[in-house]
Amino acid sequence: MHNLIHIFSRTMIFCFLSRTVQLASASSLLGRLLCSASTNKPVLTLFTKKPCPLCDEAKEALEPYKRRFILQEVDITLPENSAWYHKYKYDIPVFHLNGRFLMKHQVDIQKFEDQLTKLEMHNDGNH
């Protein structure tokens, strides 16, 4: 599968396909669709800013699961993300899974595993 690069905004989406990395800079909805279509993996969106030590800790906690999802980081301090900034400025890290709120402040591994497994089972049933 060849790399796809789409430039629509500064939101970065990393799609991991076996040993190749696709980098798509896209709006969150379009980016989720592009990456999900190419990998059929759930998209975990991290609402963050720089610096964010709690976000770094959260990403470390999710490291063992990284092959099972696509990580999309949204920098809430960018002008195009001002709505997210107003919503989450006191709550980061905040995570959405496939566009739905999942957790905030820290990673709840059990909740994450449960929701990820549900999505994987649903995706497997659609093949």
N, C-alpha and C. Protein backbone atom coordinates (compact mmCIF):
# COMPACT_ATOMS: atom_id res chain seq x y z
N MET A 1 0.85 -1.17 0.00
CA MET A 1 0.00 0.00 0.00
C MET A 1 0.90 1.24 0.00
N HIS A 2 0.63 2.19 -0.84
CA HIS A 2 1.48 3.37 -0.93
C HIS A 2 1.04 4.43 0.07
N ASN A 3 1.98 5.34 0.38
CA ASN A 3 1.69 6.40 1.34
C ASN A 3 0.73 7.41 0.74
N LEU A 4 -0.19 7.88 1.58
CA LEU A 4 -1.12 8.92 1.19
C LEU A 4 -0.81 10.16 2.00
N ILE A 5 -0.66 11.29 1.36
CA ILE A 5 -0.44 12.53 2.09
C ILE A 5 -1.50 13.52 1.64
N HIS A 6 -2.33 13.93 2.58
CA HIS A 6 -3.39 14.90 2.32
C HIS A 6 -3.19 16.09 3.24
N ILE A 7 -3.20 17.31 2.68
CA ILE A 7 -3.00 18.49 3.49
C ILE A 7 -4.28 19.32 3.49
N PHE A 8 -4.99 19.35 4.62
CA PHE A 8 -6.23 20.11 4.75
C PHE A 8 -6.16 21.07 5.93
N SER A 9 -5.40 20.77 6.97
CA SER A 9 -5.22 21.63 8.14
C SER A 9 -3.98 21.16 8.86
N ARG A 10 -3.72 21.71 10.04
CA ARG A 10 -2.52 21.33 10.77
C ARG A 10 -2.74 20.17 11.73
N THR A 11 -3.92 19.62 11.79
CA THR A 11 -4.17 18.46 12.65
C THR A 11 -3.45 17.26 12.05
N MET A 12 -2.59 16.64 12.84
CA MET A 12 -1.77 15.54 12.32
C MET A 12 -2.39 14.20 12.68
N ILE A 13 -2.44 13.34 11.70
CA ILE A 13 -2.95 11.99 11.90
C ILE A 13 -1.86 11.02 11.48
N PHE A 14 -1.59 10.07 12.34
CA PHE A 14 -0.59 9.07 12.01
C PHE A 14 -1.29 7.74 11.80
N CYS A 15 -1.16 7.22 10.62
CA CYS A 15 -1.76 5.93 10.29
C CYS A 15 -0.62 4.93 10.18
N PHE A 16 -0.69 3.90 10.97
CA PHE A 16 0.36 2.90 10.95
C PHE A 16 -0.12 1.67 10.17
N LEU A 17 0.57 1.39 9.09
CA LEU A 17 0.25 0.22 8.26
C LEU A 17 1.48 -0.67 8.24
N SER A 18 1.41 -1.74 8.96
CA SER A 18 2.53 -2.67 9.12
C SER A 18 3.82 -1.89 9.34
N ARG A 19 4.70 -1.85 8.37
CA ARG A 19 5.98 -1.17 8.58
C ARG A 19 6.03 0.21 7.94
N THR A 20 5.00 0.60 7.25
CA THR A 20 5.01 1.91 6.62
C THR A 20 4.14 2.86 7.42
N VAL A 21 4.52 4.09 7.41
CA VAL A 21 3.76 5.11 8.14
C VAL A 21 3.15 6.05 7.13
N GLN A 22 1.85 6.22 7.25
CA GLN A 22 1.18 7.21 6.43
C GLN A 22 0.99 8.45 7.29
N LEU A 23 1.29 9.59 6.74
CA LEU A 23 1.10 10.83 7.46
C LEU A 23 0.09 11.66 6.69
N ALA A 24 -1.03 11.92 7.31
CA ALA A 24 -2.06 12.71 6.67
C ALA A 24 -2.36 13.91 7.55
N SER A 25 -2.28 15.09 6.96
CA SER A 25 -2.64 16.29 7.69
C SER A 25 -4.04 16.64 7.20
N ALA A 26 -5.03 16.47 8.09
CA ALA A 26 -6.41 16.58 7.63
C ALA A 26 -7.33 17.07 8.73
N SER A 27 -8.50 17.52 8.35
CA SER A 27 -9.51 17.87 9.33
C SER A 27 -9.88 16.59 10.07
N SER A 28 -10.36 16.69 11.29
CA SER A 28 -10.53 15.48 12.09
C SER A 28 -11.49 14.49 11.46
N LEU A 29 -12.62 14.92 10.94
CA LEU A 29 -13.56 13.97 10.35
C LEU A 29 -12.98 13.34 9.09
N LEU A 30 -12.44 14.17 8.21
CA LEU A 30 -11.87 13.64 6.98
C LEU A 30 -10.66 12.76 7.29
N GLY A 31 -9.84 13.21 8.23
CA GLY A 31 -8.68 12.43 8.61
C GLY A 31 -9.04 11.08 9.16
N ARG A 32 -10.06 11.04 10.04
CA ARG A 32 -10.50 9.76 10.60
C ARG A 32 -10.98 8.85 9.49
N LEU A 33 -11.72 9.40 8.52
CA LEU A 33 -12.23 8.58 7.42
C LEU A 33 -11.09 8.04 6.57
N LEU A 34 -10.11 8.90 6.25
CA LEU A 34 -8.98 8.47 5.43
C LEU A 34 -8.20 7.36 6.12
N CYS A 35 -7.88 7.57 7.39
CA CYS A 35 -7.08 6.58 8.09
C CYS A 35 -7.86 5.32 8.37
N SER A 36 -9.09 5.45 8.81
CA SER A 36 -9.90 4.26 9.09
C SER A 36 -10.12 3.44 7.84
N ALA A 37 -10.34 4.12 6.73
CA ALA A 37 -10.57 3.40 5.47
C ALA A 37 -9.32 2.63 5.05
N SER A 38 -8.14 3.19 5.30
CA SER A 38 -6.93 2.53 4.85
C SER A 38 -6.44 1.46 5.82
N THR A 39 -6.82 1.52 7.08
CA THR A 39 -6.31 0.57 8.06
C THR A 39 -7.40 -0.22 8.77
N ASN A 40 -8.61 0.26 8.77
CA ASN A 40 -9.74 -0.35 9.48
C ASN A 40 -9.45 -0.46 10.98
N LYS A 41 -8.68 0.47 11.51
CA LYS A 41 -8.38 0.52 12.94
C LYS A 41 -9.14 1.68 13.56
N PRO A 42 -9.52 1.55 14.83
CA PRO A 42 -10.15 2.68 15.51
C PRO A 42 -9.20 3.88 15.60
N VAL A 43 -9.77 5.07 15.65
CA VAL A 43 -8.99 6.30 15.76
C VAL A 43 -9.13 6.84 17.18
N LEU A 44 -7.99 6.98 17.85
CA LEU A 44 -7.95 7.58 19.18
C LEU A 44 -7.45 9.00 19.01
N THR A 45 -8.29 9.97 19.36
CA THR A 45 -7.92 11.38 19.24
C THR A 45 -7.50 11.88 20.61
N LEU A 46 -6.31 12.48 20.65
CA LEU A 46 -5.78 13.09 21.87
C LEU A 46 -5.83 14.60 21.71
N PHE A 47 -6.61 15.25 22.55
CA PHE A 47 -6.65 16.71 22.58
C PHE A 47 -5.57 17.15 23.55
N THR A 48 -4.62 17.94 23.05
CA THR A 48 -3.40 18.24 23.78
C THR A 48 -2.95 19.66 23.52
N LYS A 49 -1.85 20.05 24.11
CA LYS A 49 -1.14 21.30 23.82
C LYS A 49 0.31 21.08 24.22
N LYS A 50 1.15 21.99 23.85
CA LYS A 50 2.57 21.87 24.17
C LYS A 50 2.96 22.96 25.16
N PRO A 51 3.63 22.67 26.24
CA PRO A 51 3.93 21.33 26.72
C PRO A 51 2.74 20.74 27.46
N CYS A 52 2.72 19.42 27.58
CA CYS A 52 1.67 18.73 28.33
C CYS A 52 2.25 17.43 28.90
N PRO A 53 2.90 17.53 30.07
CA PRO A 53 3.48 16.33 30.68
C PRO A 53 2.45 15.24 30.93
N LEU A 54 1.22 15.61 31.29
CA LEU A 54 0.19 14.59 31.51
C LEU A 54 -0.15 13.86 30.21
N CYS A 55 -0.11 14.59 29.10
CA CYS A 55 -0.36 13.96 27.79
C CYS A 55 0.76 12.98 27.46
N ASP A 56 1.99 13.36 27.77
CA ASP A 56 3.12 12.47 27.53
C ASP A 56 2.99 11.19 28.35
N GLU A 57 2.58 11.33 29.61
CA GLU A 57 2.36 10.16 30.47
C GLU A 57 1.24 9.28 29.91
N ALA A 58 0.19 9.91 29.42
CA ALA A 58 -0.94 9.16 28.86
C ALA A 58 -0.50 8.37 27.63
N LYS A 59 0.29 9.00 26.76
CA LYS A 59 0.77 8.30 25.56
C LYS A 59 1.66 7.12 25.94
N GLU A 60 2.46 7.28 26.99
CA GLU A 60 3.29 6.17 27.45
C GLU A 60 2.42 5.01 27.95
N ALA A 61 1.35 5.33 28.66
CA ALA A 61 0.45 4.28 29.17
C ALA A 61 -0.22 3.52 28.02
N LEU A 62 -0.42 4.20 26.88
CA LEU A 62 -1.09 3.58 25.73
C LEU A 62 -0.12 2.87 24.79
N GLU A 63 1.16 3.02 25.03
CA GLU A 63 2.20 2.46 24.16
C GLU A 63 1.99 0.97 23.86
N PRO A 64 1.65 0.12 24.83
CA PRO A 64 1.47 -1.31 24.53
C PRO A 64 0.32 -1.60 23.54
N TYR A 65 -0.56 -0.65 23.34
CA TYR A 65 -1.74 -0.85 22.48
C TYR A 65 -1.60 -0.18 21.11
N LYS A 66 -0.46 0.47 20.85
CA LYS A 66 -0.33 1.35 19.69
C LYS A 66 -0.57 0.68 18.34
N ARG A 67 -0.41 -0.61 18.24
CA ARG A 67 -0.65 -1.30 16.96
C ARG A 67 -2.14 -1.55 16.71
N ARG A 68 -2.96 -1.29 17.71
CA ARG A 68 -4.39 -1.58 17.61
C ARG A 68 -5.24 -0.35 17.28
N PHE A 69 -4.62 0.84 17.21
CA PHE A 69 -5.38 2.04 16.93
C PHE A 69 -4.51 3.06 16.20
N ILE A 70 -5.17 4.07 15.67
CA ILE A 70 -4.51 5.19 15.03
C ILE A 70 -4.58 6.35 16.01
N LEU A 71 -3.45 6.98 16.29
CA LEU A 71 -3.43 8.12 17.19
C LEU A 71 -3.48 9.42 16.40
N GLN A 72 -4.45 10.24 16.73
CA GLN A 72 -4.59 11.56 16.12
C GLN A 72 -4.43 12.57 17.24
N GLU A 73 -3.45 13.46 17.11
CA GLU A 73 -3.25 14.49 18.12
C GLU A 73 -3.80 15.82 17.61
N VAL A 74 -4.59 16.47 18.44
CA VAL A 74 -5.17 17.76 18.10
C VAL A 74 -4.61 18.79 19.09
N ASP A 75 -3.83 19.72 18.58
CA ASP A 75 -3.28 20.80 19.41
C ASP A 75 -4.38 21.84 19.58
N ILE A 76 -4.92 21.93 20.79
CA ILE A 76 -6.06 22.82 21.03
C ILE A 76 -5.67 24.30 21.01
N THR A 77 -4.36 24.60 21.01
CA THR A 77 -3.93 26.00 20.99
C THR A 77 -3.87 26.60 19.59
N LEU A 78 -4.02 25.78 18.57
CA LEU A 78 -4.02 26.30 17.19
C LEU A 78 -5.33 27.04 16.93
N PRO A 79 -5.29 28.12 16.17
CA PRO A 79 -6.50 28.91 15.92
C PRO A 79 -7.67 28.11 15.36
N GLU A 80 -7.40 27.17 14.49
CA GLU A 80 -8.49 26.38 13.89
C GLU A 80 -9.13 25.41 14.89
N ASN A 81 -8.51 25.25 16.06
CA ASN A 81 -9.04 24.35 17.08
C ASN A 81 -9.57 25.10 18.29
N SER A 82 -9.95 26.35 18.10
CA SER A 82 -10.38 27.18 19.23
C SER A 82 -11.60 26.62 19.95
N ALA A 83 -12.50 25.97 19.24
CA ALA A 83 -13.67 25.38 19.89
C ALA A 83 -13.24 24.30 20.89
N TRP A 84 -12.25 23.49 20.49
CA TRP A 84 -11.73 22.46 21.39
C TRP A 84 -11.00 23.10 22.56
N TYR A 85 -10.30 24.21 22.30
CA TYR A 85 -9.60 24.91 23.38
C TYR A 85 -10.59 25.37 24.44
N HIS A 86 -11.67 25.99 24.03
CA HIS A 86 -12.66 26.47 24.99
C HIS A 86 -13.33 25.33 25.74
N LYS A 87 -13.48 24.19 25.09
CA LYS A 87 -14.13 23.06 25.73
C LYS A 87 -13.20 22.31 26.69
N TYR A 88 -11.92 22.17 26.31
CA TYR A 88 -11.02 21.28 27.04
C TYR A 88 -9.80 21.94 27.68
N LYS A 89 -9.69 23.26 27.69
CA LYS A 89 -8.46 23.90 28.15
C LYS A 89 -8.04 23.52 29.57
N TYR A 90 -8.99 23.15 30.42
CA TYR A 90 -8.66 22.76 31.80
C TYR A 90 -8.70 21.25 32.02
N ASP A 91 -8.87 20.49 30.96
CA ASP A 91 -9.08 19.05 31.12
C ASP A 91 -8.07 18.15 30.42
N ILE A 92 -7.15 18.69 29.63
CA ILE A 92 -6.26 17.83 28.87
C ILE A 92 -5.36 17.02 29.80
N PRO A 93 -5.03 15.82 29.40
CA PRO A 93 -5.39 15.19 28.14
C PRO A 93 -6.85 14.73 28.11
N VAL A 94 -7.43 14.85 26.92
CA VAL A 94 -8.79 14.37 26.67
C VAL A 94 -8.70 13.43 25.48
N PHE A 95 -9.41 12.30 25.57
CA PHE A 95 -9.40 11.31 24.49
C PHE A 95 -10.80 11.07 23.97
N HIS A 96 -10.89 10.99 22.64
CA HIS A 96 -12.10 10.53 21.95
C HIS A 96 -11.71 9.26 21.21
N LEU A 97 -12.60 8.30 21.15
CA LEU A 97 -12.36 7.09 20.38
C LEU A 97 -13.41 7.04 19.28
N ASN A 98 -12.92 7.07 18.04
CA ASN A 98 -13.80 7.14 16.85
C ASN A 98 -14.80 8.28 16.97
N GLY A 99 -14.34 9.44 17.44
CA GLY A 99 -15.16 10.64 17.47
C GLY A 99 -16.05 10.79 18.69
N ARG A 100 -15.99 9.84 19.62
CA ARG A 100 -16.83 9.90 20.83
C ARG A 100 -15.93 10.06 22.06
N PHE A 101 -16.38 10.93 22.97
CA PHE A 101 -15.62 11.13 24.21
C PHE A 101 -15.37 9.79 24.90
N LEU A 102 -14.13 9.61 25.37
CA LEU A 102 -13.77 8.38 26.06
C LEU A 102 -13.31 8.64 27.49
N MET A 103 -12.35 9.58 27.67
CA MET A 103 -11.78 9.82 28.99
C MET A 103 -11.02 11.13 29.00
N LYS A 104 -10.75 11.63 30.22
CA LYS A 104 -9.96 12.85 30.35
C LYS A 104 -9.10 12.78 31.60
N HIS A 105 -8.10 13.66 31.65
CA HIS A 105 -7.16 13.82 32.76
C HIS A 105 -6.11 12.73 32.83
N GLN A 106 -6.50 11.48 32.69
CA GLN A 106 -5.56 10.37 32.70
C GLN A 106 -6.18 9.19 31.97
N VAL A 107 -5.33 8.22 31.65
CA VAL A 107 -5.80 7.04 30.93
C VAL A 107 -6.44 6.06 31.91
N ASP A 108 -7.64 5.66 31.58
CA ASP A 108 -8.33 4.58 32.30
C ASP A 108 -8.16 3.34 31.41
N ILE A 109 -7.15 2.55 31.73
CA ILE A 109 -6.79 1.41 30.88
C ILE A 109 -7.95 0.44 30.70
N GLN A 110 -8.66 0.13 31.76
CA GLN A 110 -9.77 -0.83 31.65
C GLN A 110 -10.85 -0.31 30.71
N LYS A 111 -11.22 0.96 30.86
CA LYS A 111 -12.24 1.56 29.99
C LYS A 111 -11.74 1.57 28.54
N PHE A 112 -10.48 1.95 28.35
CA PHE A 112 -9.89 1.99 27.02
C PHE A 112 -9.90 0.60 26.38
N GLU A 113 -9.42 -0.41 27.11
CA GLU A 113 -9.39 -1.78 26.58
C GLU A 113 -10.79 -2.26 26.22
N ASP A 114 -11.75 -2.01 27.10
CA ASP A 114 -13.12 -2.45 26.85
C ASP A 114 -13.68 -1.84 25.57
N GLN A 115 -13.53 -0.53 25.42
CA GLN A 115 -14.07 0.16 24.24
C GLN A 115 -13.32 -0.22 22.97
N LEU A 116 -12.01 -0.36 23.07
CA LEU A 116 -11.21 -0.75 21.91
C LEU A 116 -11.61 -2.15 21.45
N THR A 117 -11.77 -3.07 22.38
CA THR A 117 -12.17 -4.44 22.04
C THR A 117 -13.54 -4.46 21.39
N LYS A 118 -14.48 -3.68 21.91
CA LYS A 118 -15.82 -3.60 21.30
C LYS A 118 -15.73 -3.14 19.85
N LEU A 119 -14.94 -2.11 19.59
CA LEU A 119 -14.79 -1.61 18.22
C LEU A 119 -14.13 -2.64 17.33
N GLU A 120 -13.12 -3.31 17.83
CA GLU A 120 -12.44 -4.34 17.04
C GLU A 120 -13.39 -5.48 16.69
N MET A 121 -14.20 -5.90 17.66
CA MET A 121 -15.16 -6.97 17.40
C MET A 121 -16.20 -6.53 16.37
N HIS A 122 -16.63 -5.28 16.47
CA HIS A 122 -17.59 -4.74 15.50
C HIS A 122 -16.97 -4.69 14.10
N ASN A 123 -15.71 -4.25 14.02
CA ASN A 123 -15.02 -4.17 12.72
C ASN A 123 -14.80 -5.55 12.13
N ASP A 124 -14.45 -6.52 12.98
CA ASP A 124 -14.25 -7.90 12.49
C ASP A 124 -15.54 -8.50 11.97
N GLY A 125 -16.67 -8.13 12.57
CA GLY A 125 -17.97 -8.62 12.14
C GLY A 125 -18.42 -8.04 10.83
N ASN A 126 -17.80 -6.96 10.39
CA ASN A 126 -18.18 -6.31 9.13
C ASN A 126 -17.33 -6.77 7.94
N HIS A 127 -16.52 -7.78 8.13
CA HIS A 127 -15.69 -8.28 7.01
C HIS A 127 -16.33 -9.46 6.35
